[in-house]
């Protein structure tokens, strides 16, 4: 090959430094791939499974709450037919107050142990 000045271009020879640099780059690339695979396997996939589990549990809890609300409304309507509306509300309020009193008594006894 001739250049503009007429001098022949010396073919580039691969030096030891270039070979070592290529080898180091290959090692770095391999380590990067191994680290990526390890992180994906040990961290990302378990976190994804945990996220799917939490979302599924939240969806199930939401459906449970909606179901309990509909059952509570149905029972309130049924109780209102038997006791009238003021009687039904009074009965529900009394049950809630008694339930909270029992809860407080049990907690106090548990804390005193």
Protein backbone atom coordinates (compact mmCIF):
# COMPACT_ATOMS: atom_id res chain seq x y z
CA UNK A 1 0.00 0.00 0.00
CA UNK A 2 1.32 3.36 -0.89
CA UNK A 3 0.58 6.51 1.00
CA UNK A 4 0.60 10.02 -0.41
CA UNK A 5 4.30 10.47 0.25
CA UNK A 6 5.13 7.24 -1.53
CA UNK A 7 6.39 5.46 1.62
CA UNK A 8 5.01 1.99 2.25
CA UNK A 9 2.88 1.65 5.38
CA UNK A 10 4.29 -0.80 7.91
CA UNK A 11 1.61 -3.35 8.90
CA UNK A 12 0.53 -2.87 12.48
CA UNK A 13 1.86 -5.62 14.62
CA UNK A 14 0.02 -6.79 17.64
CA UNK A 15 2.10 -6.13 20.70
CA UNK A 16 2.13 -7.97 23.99
CA UNK A 17 0.51 -4.97 25.65
CA UNK A 18 -2.37 -5.08 23.15
CA UNK A 19 -2.83 -8.80 23.77
CA UNK A 20 -2.85 -8.29 27.54
CA UNK A 21 -5.32 -5.41 27.18
CA UNK A 22 -7.61 -7.61 25.07
CA UNK A 23 -7.32 -10.42 27.60
CA UNK A 24 -8.15 -8.06 30.47
CA UNK A 25 -11.15 -6.70 28.55
CA UNK A 26 -12.35 -10.26 27.96
CA UNK A 27 -11.99 -11.03 31.67
CA UNK A 28 -13.87 -7.85 32.60
CA UNK A 29 -16.68 -8.68 30.17
CA UNK A 30 -16.91 -12.22 31.53
CA UNK A 31 -16.98 -11.00 35.15
CA UNK A 32 -19.67 -8.46 34.26
CA UNK A 33 -21.83 -11.18 32.69
CA UNK A 34 -21.34 -13.50 35.65
CA UNK A 35 -22.18 -10.74 38.13
CA UNK A 36 -25.29 -9.84 36.15
CA UNK A 37 -26.43 -13.47 36.12
CA UNK A 38 -25.75 -13.82 39.83
CA UNK A 39 -27.64 -10.64 40.71
CA UNK A 40 -30.56 -11.66 38.52
CA UNK A 41 -30.70 -15.14 40.05
CA UNK A 42 -30.11 -14.26 43.71
CA UNK A 43 -31.74 -10.82 44.03
CA UNK A 44 -34.06 -9.88 41.18
CA UNK A 45 -36.04 -13.12 40.86
CA UNK A 46 -36.71 -13.51 44.61
CA UNK A 47 -37.78 -9.86 44.81
CA UNK A 48 -40.14 -10.38 41.89
CA UNK A 49 -41.64 -13.44 43.58
CA UNK A 50 -42.02 -11.47 46.80
CA UNK A 51 -43.71 -8.62 44.94
CA UNK A 52 -46.14 -10.99 43.22
CA UNK A 53 -46.93 -12.61 46.58
CA UNK A 54 -47.59 -9.26 48.25
CA UNK A 55 -49.81 -8.06 45.40
CA UNK A 56 -51.76 -11.33 45.43
CA UNK A 57 -52.24 -11.09 49.19
CA UNK A 58 -53.40 -7.48 48.89
CA UNK A 59 -55.90 -8.44 46.17
CA UNK A 60 -57.24 -11.30 48.31
CA UNK A 61 -57.53 -9.01 51.34
CA UNK A 62 -59.39 -6.41 49.28
CA UNK A 63 -61.86 -9.01 48.05
CA UNK A 64 -62.31 -10.23 51.62
CA UNK A 65 -63.03 -6.72 52.89
CA UNK A 66 -65.58 -6.10 50.13
CA UNK A 67 -67.25 -9.42 50.89
CA UNK A 68 -67.43 -8.69 54.62
CA UNK A 69 -68.89 -5.24 53.88
CA UNK A 70 -71.66 -6.71 51.74
CA UNK A 71 -72.41 -9.35 54.38
CA UNK A 72 -72.51 -6.65 57.07
CA UNK A 73 -74.94 -4.55 55.04
CA UNK A 74 -77.15 -7.58 54.43
CA UNK A 75 -77.16 -8.46 58.12
CA UNK A 76 -77.93 -4.86 59.02
CA UNK A 77 -80.94 -4.87 56.68
CA UNK A 78 -82.11 -8.20 58.10
CA UNK A 79 -81.67 -6.98 61.67
CA UNK A 80 -83.51 -3.76 60.81
CA UNK A 81 -86.52 -5.79 59.68
CA UNK A 82 -86.59 -7.67 62.98
CA UNK A 83 -85.82 -4.82 65.42
CA UNK A 84 -86.55 -1.65 63.40
CA UNK A 85 -83.74 0.69 62.43
CA UNK A 86 -83.16 2.31 65.83
CA UNK A 87 -83.18 -1.10 67.52
CA UNK A 88 -80.75 -2.54 64.96
CA UNK A 89 -78.32 0.36 65.35
CA UNK A 90 -78.59 0.14 69.14
CA UNK A 91 -77.87 -3.61 69.08
CA UNK A 92 -74.86 -3.19 66.77
CA UNK A 93 -73.49 -0.34 68.89
CA UNK A 94 -73.88 -2.40 72.07
CA UNK A 95 -72.06 -5.37 70.52
CA UNK A 96 -69.19 -3.11 69.39
CA UNK A 97 -68.87 -1.47 72.83
CA UNK A 98 -68.89 -4.85 74.59
CA UNK A 99 -66.32 -6.17 72.12
CA UNK A 100 -64.00 -3.24 72.76
CA UNK A 101 -64.38 -3.65 76.53
CA UNK A 102 -63.46 -7.35 76.29
CA UNK A 103 -60.47 -6.48 74.11
CA UNK A 104 -59.22 -3.87 76.60
CA UNK A 105 -59.64 -6.23 79.56
CA UNK A 106 -57.73 -9.01 77.78
CA UNK A 107 -54.93 -6.62 76.78
CA UNK A 108 -54.60 -5.28 80.34
CA UNK A 109 -54.39 -8.82 81.73
CA UNK A 110 -51.85 -9.76 79.08
CA UNK A 111 -49.70 -6.70 79.87
CA UNK A 112 -49.76 -7.44 83.62
CA UNK A 113 -48.29 -10.91 83.17
